PDB file of N, CA and C in Angstrom:
ATOM      1  N   UNK A   1      -2.944  14.506  -7.315  1.00  0.00           N
ATOM      2  CA  UNK A   1      -3.153  14.222  -5.845  1.00  0.00           C
ATOM      3  C   UNK A   1      -3.978  14.839  -5.028  1.00  0.00           C
ATOM      4  N   UNK A   2      -4.111  16.101  -5.083  1.00  0.00           N
ATOM      5  CA  UNK A   2      -4.860  17.032  -4.258  1.00  0.00           C
ATOM      6  C   UNK A   2      -6.578  16.644  -4.545  1.00  0.00           C
ATOM      7  N   UNK A   3      -6.709  16.214  -5.828  1.00  0.00           N
ATOM      8  CA  UNK A   3      -8.262  15.782  -6.193  1.00  0.00           C
ATOM      9  C   UNK A   3      -8.288  14.416  -5.357  1.00  0.00           C
ATOM     10  N   UNK A   4      -7.392  13.612  -5.470  1.00  0.00           N
ATOM     11  CA  UNK A   4      -7.630  12.179  -4.621  1.00  0.00           C
ATOM     12  C   UNK A   4      -7.973  12.481  -3.258  1.00  0.00           C
ATOM     13  N   UNK A   5      -7.033  13.623  -2.521  1.00  0.00           N
ATOM     14  CA  UNK A   5      -7.542  13.657  -1.132  1.00  0.00           C
ATOM     15  C   UNK A   5      -8.923  14.586  -0.995  1.00  0.00           C
ATOM     16  N   UNK A   6      -9.334  15.268  -1.903  1.00  0.00           N
ATOM     17  CA  UNK A   6     -10.294  15.785  -1.414  1.00  0.00           C
ATOM     18  C   UNK A   6     -11.593  14.773  -1.540  1.00  0.00           C
ATOM     19  N   UNK A   7     -11.348  14.382  -2.757  1.00  0.00           N
ATOM     20  CA  UNK A   7     -12.469  13.259  -2.978  1.00  0.00           C
ATOM     21  C   UNK A   7     -12.384  11.949  -1.797  1.00  0.00           C
ATOM     22  N   UNK A   8     -11.404  11.655  -1.473  1.00  0.00           N
ATOM     23  CA  UNK A   8     -11.418  10.733  -0.331  1.00  0.00           C
ATOM     24  C   UNK A   8     -11.958  11.313   0.908  1.00  0.00           C
ATOM     25  N   UNK A   9     -11.558  12.730   1.246  1.00  0.00           N
ATOM     26  CA  UNK A   9     -12.314  13.409   2.307  1.00  0.00           C
ATOM     27  C   UNK A   9     -13.728  13.382   2.069  1.00  0.00           C
ATOM     28  N   UNK A  10     -14.268  13.733   1.264  1.00  0.00           N
ATOM     29  CA  UNK A  10     -15.767  13.882   0.725  1.00  0.00           C
ATOM     30  C   UNK A  10     -16.536  12.658   0.833  1.00  0.00           C
ATOM     31  N   UNK A  11     -15.691  11.263   0.439  1.00  0.00           N
ATOM     32  CA  UNK A  11     -16.532  10.281   0.776  1.00  0.00           C
ATOM     33  C   UNK A  11     -16.542   9.619   1.839  1.00  0.00           C
ATOM     34  N   UNK A  12     -15.515   9.985   2.626  1.00  0.00           N
ATOM     35  CA  UNK A  12     -15.622   9.305   4.511  1.00  0.00           C
ATOM     36  C   UNK A  12     -16.408  10.348   5.024  1.00  0.00           C
ATOM     37  N   UNK A  13     -17.002  11.642   4.502  1.00  0.00           N
ATOM     38  CA  UNK A  13     -17.897  12.631   5.168  1.00  0.00           C
ATOM     39  C   UNK A  13     -19.330  11.802   4.585  1.00  0.00           C
ATOM     40  N   UNK A  14     -19.557  11.756   3.413  1.00  0.00           N
ATOM     41  CA  UNK A  14     -20.823  11.273   3.083  1.00  0.00           C
ATOM     42  C   UNK A  14     -21.137   9.310   3.059  1.00  0.00           C
ATOM     43  N   UNK A  15     -20.442   8.832   2.859  1.00  0.00           N
ATOM     44  CA  UNK A  15     -20.380   7.350   2.440  1.00  0.00           C
ATOM     45  C   UNK A  15     -19.928   6.374   3.660  1.00  0.00           C
ATOM     46  N   UNK A  16     -19.545   6.957   4.697  1.00  0.00           N
ATOM     47  CA  UNK A  16     -18.696   6.038   5.710  1.00  0.00           C
ATOM     48  C   UNK A  16     -19.770   6.106   6.925  1.00  0.00           C
ATOM     49  N   UNK A  17     -20.071   4.929   7.563  1.00  0.00           N
ATOM     50  CA  UNK A  17     -20.915   5.064   8.662  1.00  0.00           C
ATOM     51  C   UNK A  17     -20.269   4.400   9.690  1.00  0.00           C
ATOM     52  N   UNK A  18     -20.038   4.973  11.118  1.00  0.00           N
ATOM     53  CA  UNK A  18     -19.247   4.269  12.199  1.00  0.00           C
ATOM     54  C   UNK A  18     -20.450   3.154  13.140  1.00  0.00           C
ATOM     55  N   UNK A  19     -20.183   1.913  13.464  1.00  0.00           N
ATOM     56  CA  UNK A  19     -20.689   1.108  13.690  1.00  0.00           C
ATOM     57  C   UNK A  19     -21.238   1.916  15.140  1.00  0.00           C
ATOM     58  N   UNK A  20     -22.093   1.471  16.003  1.00  0.00           N
ATOM     59  CA  UNK A  20     -22.414   1.734  17.404  1.00  0.00           C
ATOM     60  C   UNK A  20     -21.330   1.640  18.526  1.00  0.00           C
ATOM     61  N   UNK A  21     -21.254   2.237  19.662  1.00  0.00           N
ATOM     62  CA  UNK A  21     -19.970   2.092  20.440  1.00  0.00           C
ATOM     63  C   UNK A  21     -20.019   0.793  20.915  1.00  0.00           C
ATOM     64  N   UNK A  22     -21.097   0.241  21.121  1.00  0.00           N
ATOM     65  CA  UNK A  22     -21.452  -1.316  21.822  1.00  0.00           C
ATOM     66  C   UNK A  22     -20.800  -2.278  20.868  1.00  0.00           C
ATOM     67  N   UNK A  23     -21.320  -1.879  19.611  1.00  0.00           N
ATOM     68  CA  UNK A  23     -20.587  -2.895  18.590  1.00  0.00           C
ATOM     69  C   UNK A  23     -19.199  -2.630  18.595  1.00  0.00           C
ATOM     70  N   UNK A  24     -18.515  -1.419  18.330  1.00  0.00           N
ATOM     71  CA  UNK A  24     -17.018  -1.335  18.511  1.00  0.00           C
ATOM     72  C   UNK A  24     -16.119  -2.118  19.706  1.00  0.00           C
ATOM     73  N   UNK A  25     -17.188  -1.734  20.631  1.00  0.00           N
ATOM     74  CA  UNK A  25     -16.427  -2.420  21.735  1.00  0.00           C
ATOM     75  C   UNK A  25     -15.978  -3.945  22.139  1.00  0.00           C
ATOM     76  N   UNK A  26     -17.197  -4.637  21.228  1.00  0.00           N
ATOM     77  CA  UNK A  26     -17.149  -6.094  21.540  1.00  0.00           C
ATOM     78  C   UNK A  26     -16.108  -6.393  20.280  1.00  0.00           C
ATOM     79  N   UNK A  27     -16.486  -5.382  19.219  1.00  0.00           N
ATOM     80  CA  UNK A  27     -15.519  -6.140  18.186  1.00  0.00           C
ATOM     81  C   UNK A  27     -13.795  -6.121  18.567  1.00  0.00           C
ATOM     82  N   UNK A  28     -13.912  -4.929  19.267  1.00  0.00           N
ATOM     83  CA  UNK A  28     -12.205  -4.798  19.738  1.00  0.00           C
ATOM     84  C   UNK A  28     -11.830  -6.071  20.537  1.00  0.00           C
ATOM     85  N   UNK A  29     -12.711  -6.378  21.594  1.00  0.00           N
ATOM     86  CA  UNK A  29     -12.343  -7.362  22.317  1.00  0.00           C
ATOM     87  C   UNK A  29     -12.177  -8.521  21.544  1.00  0.00           C
ATOM     88  N   UNK A  30     -12.780  -8.643  20.526  1.00  0.00           N
ATOM     89  CA  UNK A  30     -12.450 -10.172  19.566  1.00  0.00           C
ATOM     90  C   UNK A  30     -11.381 -10.173  19.137  1.00  0.00           C
ATOM     91  N   UNK A  31     -10.917  -8.759  18.330  1.00  0.00           N
ATOM     92  CA  UNK A  31      -9.530  -8.675  17.778  1.00  0.00           C
ATOM     93  C   UNK A  31      -8.660  -8.688  18.914  1.00  0.00           C
ATOM     94  N   UNK A  32      -8.761  -8.043  20.274  1.00  0.00           N
ATOM     95  CA  UNK A  32      -7.724  -8.570  21.224  1.00  0.00           C
ATOM     96  C   UNK A  32      -7.249  -9.633  21.388  1.00  0.00           C
ATOM     97  N   UNK A  33      -8.527 -10.491  21.507  1.00  0.00           N
ATOM     98  CA  UNK A  33      -8.255 -11.940  22.119  1.00  0.00           C
ATOM     99  C   UNK A  33      -7.710 -12.694  20.959  1.00  0.00           C
ATOM    100  N   UNK A  34      -7.979 -12.585  19.760  1.00  0.00           N
ATOM    101  CA  UNK A  34      -7.477 -13.602  18.685  1.00  0.00           C
ATOM    102  C   UNK A  34      -5.899 -12.727  18.281  1.00  0.00           C
ATOM    103  N   UNK A  35      -5.416 -11.381  18.680  1.00  0.00           N
ATOM    104  CA  UNK A  35      -4.104 -11.182  18.787  1.00  0.00           C
ATOM    105  C   UNK A  35      -3.514 -11.734  19.710  1.00  0.00           C
ATOM    106  N   UNK A  36      -4.122 -11.800  20.989  1.00  0.00           N
ATOM    107  CA  UNK A  36      -3.256 -12.804  21.963  1.00  0.00           C
ATOM    108  C   UNK A  36      -3.055 -14.236  21.805  1.00  0.00           C
ATOM    109  N   UNK A  37      -4.064 -14.762  21.128  1.00  0.00           N
ATOM    110  CA  UNK A  37      -4.141 -16.141  20.598  1.00  0.00           C
ATOM    111  C   UNK A  37      -2.765 -16.401  19.698  1.00  0.00           C
ATOM    112  N   UNK A  38      -3.150 -15.601  18.638  1.00  0.00           N
ATOM    113  CA  UNK A  38      -1.947 -15.393  17.494  1.00  0.00           C
ATOM    114  C   UNK A  38      -0.684 -15.252  17.903  1.00  0.00           C
ATOM    115  N   UNK A  39      -0.462 -14.330  18.899  1.00  0.00           N
ATOM    116  CA  UNK A  39       1.043 -14.223  19.645  1.00  0.00           C
ATOM    117  C   UNK A  39       1.365 -15.222  20.523  1.00  0.00           C
ATOM    118  N   UNK A  40       0.538 -16.282  21.099  1.00  0.00           N
ATOM    119  CA  UNK A  40       1.094 -17.294  21.677  1.00  0.00           C
ATOM    120  C   UNK A  40       1.348 -18.583  21.015  1.00  0.00           C
ATOM    121  N   UNK A  41       0.618 -18.406  19.941  1.00  0.00           N
ATOM    122  CA  UNK A  41       0.978 -19.706  18.627  1.00  0.00           C
ATOM    123  C   UNK A  41       1.972 -19.294  18.298  1.00  0.00           C
ATOM    124  N   UNK A  42       2.543 -18.073  17.976  1.00  0.00           N
ATOM    125  CA  UNK A  42       3.386 -17.803  17.356  1.00  0.00           C
ATOM    126  C   UNK A  42       4.721 -18.185  18.163  1.00  0.00           C
ATOM    127  N   UNK A  43       4.705 -17.894  19.397  1.00  0.00           N
ATOM    128  CA  UNK A  43       5.727 -18.026  20.366  1.00  0.00           C
ATOM    129  C   UNK A  43       5.917 -19.432  20.757  1.00  0.00           C
ATOM    130  N   UNK A  44       4.684 -20.138  20.537  1.00  0.00           N
ATOM    131  CA  UNK A  44       4.891 -21.619  20.906  1.00  0.00           C
ATOM    132  C   UNK A  44       5.836 -22.236  19.707  1.00  0.00           C
ATOM    133  N   UNK A  45       5.097 -22.047  18.590  1.00  0.00           N
ATOM    134  CA  UNK A  45       6.218 -22.339  17.256  1.00  0.00           C
ATOM    135  C   UNK A  45       7.475 -22.049  17.247  1.00  0.00           C
ATOM    136  N   UNK A  46       7.891 -20.942  17.759  1.00  0.00           N
ATOM    137  CA  UNK A  46       9.131 -20.688  17.391  1.00  0.00           C
ATOM    138  C   UNK A  46       9.977 -21.250  18.767  1.00  0.00           C
ATOM    139  N   UNK A  47       9.275 -21.354  19.761  1.00  0.00           N
ATOM    140  CA  UNK A  47       9.872 -21.933  21.129  1.00  0.00           C
ATOM    141  C   UNK A  47      10.164 -23.416  20.572  1.00  0.00           C
ATOM    142  N   UNK A  48       9.477 -24.199  19.953  1.00  0.00           N
ATOM    143  CA  UNK A  48       9.407 -25.683  19.271  1.00  0.00           C
ATOM    144  C   UNK A  48      10.509 -25.550  18.196  1.00  0.00           C
ATOM    145  N   UNK A  49      10.808 -24.946  17.492  1.00  0.00           N
ATOM    146  CA  UNK A  49      11.418 -24.766  16.094  1.00  0.00           C
ATOM    147  C   UNK A  49      12.970 -24.410  16.980  1.00  0.00           C
ATOM    148  N   UNK A  50      13.307 -23.388  18.143  1.00  0.00           N
ATOM    149  CA  UNK A  50      14.264 -23.243  18.350  1.00  0.00           C
ATOM    150  C   UNK A  50      14.966 -24.487  19.302  1.00  0.00           C
ATOM    151  N   UNK A  51      13.945 -25.376  19.980  1.00  0.00           N
ATOM    152  CA  UNK A  51      14.630 -26.529  20.287  1.00  0.00           C
ATOM    153  C   UNK A  51      14.824 -27.603  19.645  1.00  0.00           C
ATOM    154  N   UNK A  52      13.820 -27.789  18.322  1.00  0.00           N
ATOM    155  CA  UNK A  52      14.551 -28.683  17.276  1.00  0.00           C
ATOM    156  C   UNK A  52      15.978 -28.107  16.744  1.00  0.00           C
ATOM    157  N   UNK A  53      16.107 -27.065  16.342  1.00  0.00           N
ATOM    158  CA  UNK A  53      17.398 -26.816  15.967  1.00  0.00           C
ATOM    159  C   UNK A  53      18.565 -26.735  16.847  1.00  0.00           C
ATOM    160  N   UNK A  54      18.334 -26.449  18.160  1.00  0.00           N
ATOM    161  CA  UNK A  54      19.418 -26.910  19.429  1.00  0.00           C
ATOM    162  C   UNK A  54      19.644 -28.270  19.576  1.00  0.00           C
ATOM    163  N   UNK A  55      18.463 -29.122  19.445  1.00  0.00           N
ATOM    164  CA  UNK A  55      18.732 -30.467  19.132  1.00  0.00           C
ATOM    165  C   UNK A  55      19.567 -31.050  18.227  1.00  0.00           C
ATOM    166  N   UNK A  56      19.317 -30.451  16.715  1.00  0.00           N
ATOM    167  CA  UNK A  56      19.981 -30.717  15.866  1.00  0.00           C
ATOM    168  C   UNK A  56      21.527 -30.453  16.157  1.00  0.00           C
ATOM    169  N   UNK A  57      21.630 -29.097  16.081  1.00  0.00           N
ATOM    170  CA  UNK A  57      23.090 -28.992  16.344  1.00  0.00           C
ATOM    171  C   UNK A  57      24.016 -29.250  17.172  1.00  0.00           C
ATOM    172  N   UNK A  58      23.332 -29.598  18.269  1.00  0.00           N
ATOM    173  CA  UNK A  58      24.003 -30.420  19.705  1.00  0.00           C
ATOM    174  C   UNK A  58      24.211 -31.654  19.752  1.00  0.00           C
ATOM    175  N   UNK A  59      23.287 -32.699  18.896  1.00  0.00           N
ATOM    176  CA  UNK A  59      23.406 -34.036  19.168  1.00  0.00           C
ATOM    177  C   UNK A  59      23.667 -34.591  17.823  1.00  0.00           C
ATOM    178  N   UNK A  60      23.253 -33.989  16.742  1.00  0.00           N
ATOM    179  CA  UNK A  60      23.506 -34.518  15.403  1.00  0.00           C
ATOM    180  C   UNK A  60      24.552 -34.335  14.606  1.00  0.00           C
ATOM    181  N   UNK A  61      25.154 -33.144  14.765  1.00  0.00           N
ATOM    182  CA  UNK A  61      26.455 -32.595  14.287  1.00  0.00           C
ATOM    183  C   UNK A  61      27.749 -32.911  15.138  1.00  0.00           C
ATOM    184  N   UNK A  62      27.603 -33.182  16.374  1.00  0.00           N
ATOM    185  CA  UNK A  62      28.732 -33.333  17.417  1.00  0.00           C
ATOM    186  C   UNK A  62      28.576 -35.032  17.393  1.00  0.00           C
TER     187      UNK A  62
END
């Protein structure tokens, strides 16, 4: 396990390069926008299914 950790740290130091700050900022905005859109879509589907289930139990079963 210790060897794995040492090799991982070595690989991070030698083989991984970070993108420039401007590119990181742009990517962060893209991720934030898609996260918000996905959250809104999930909320919409949840609200719709909630209304369908409520309609089913209120009108069809009674």
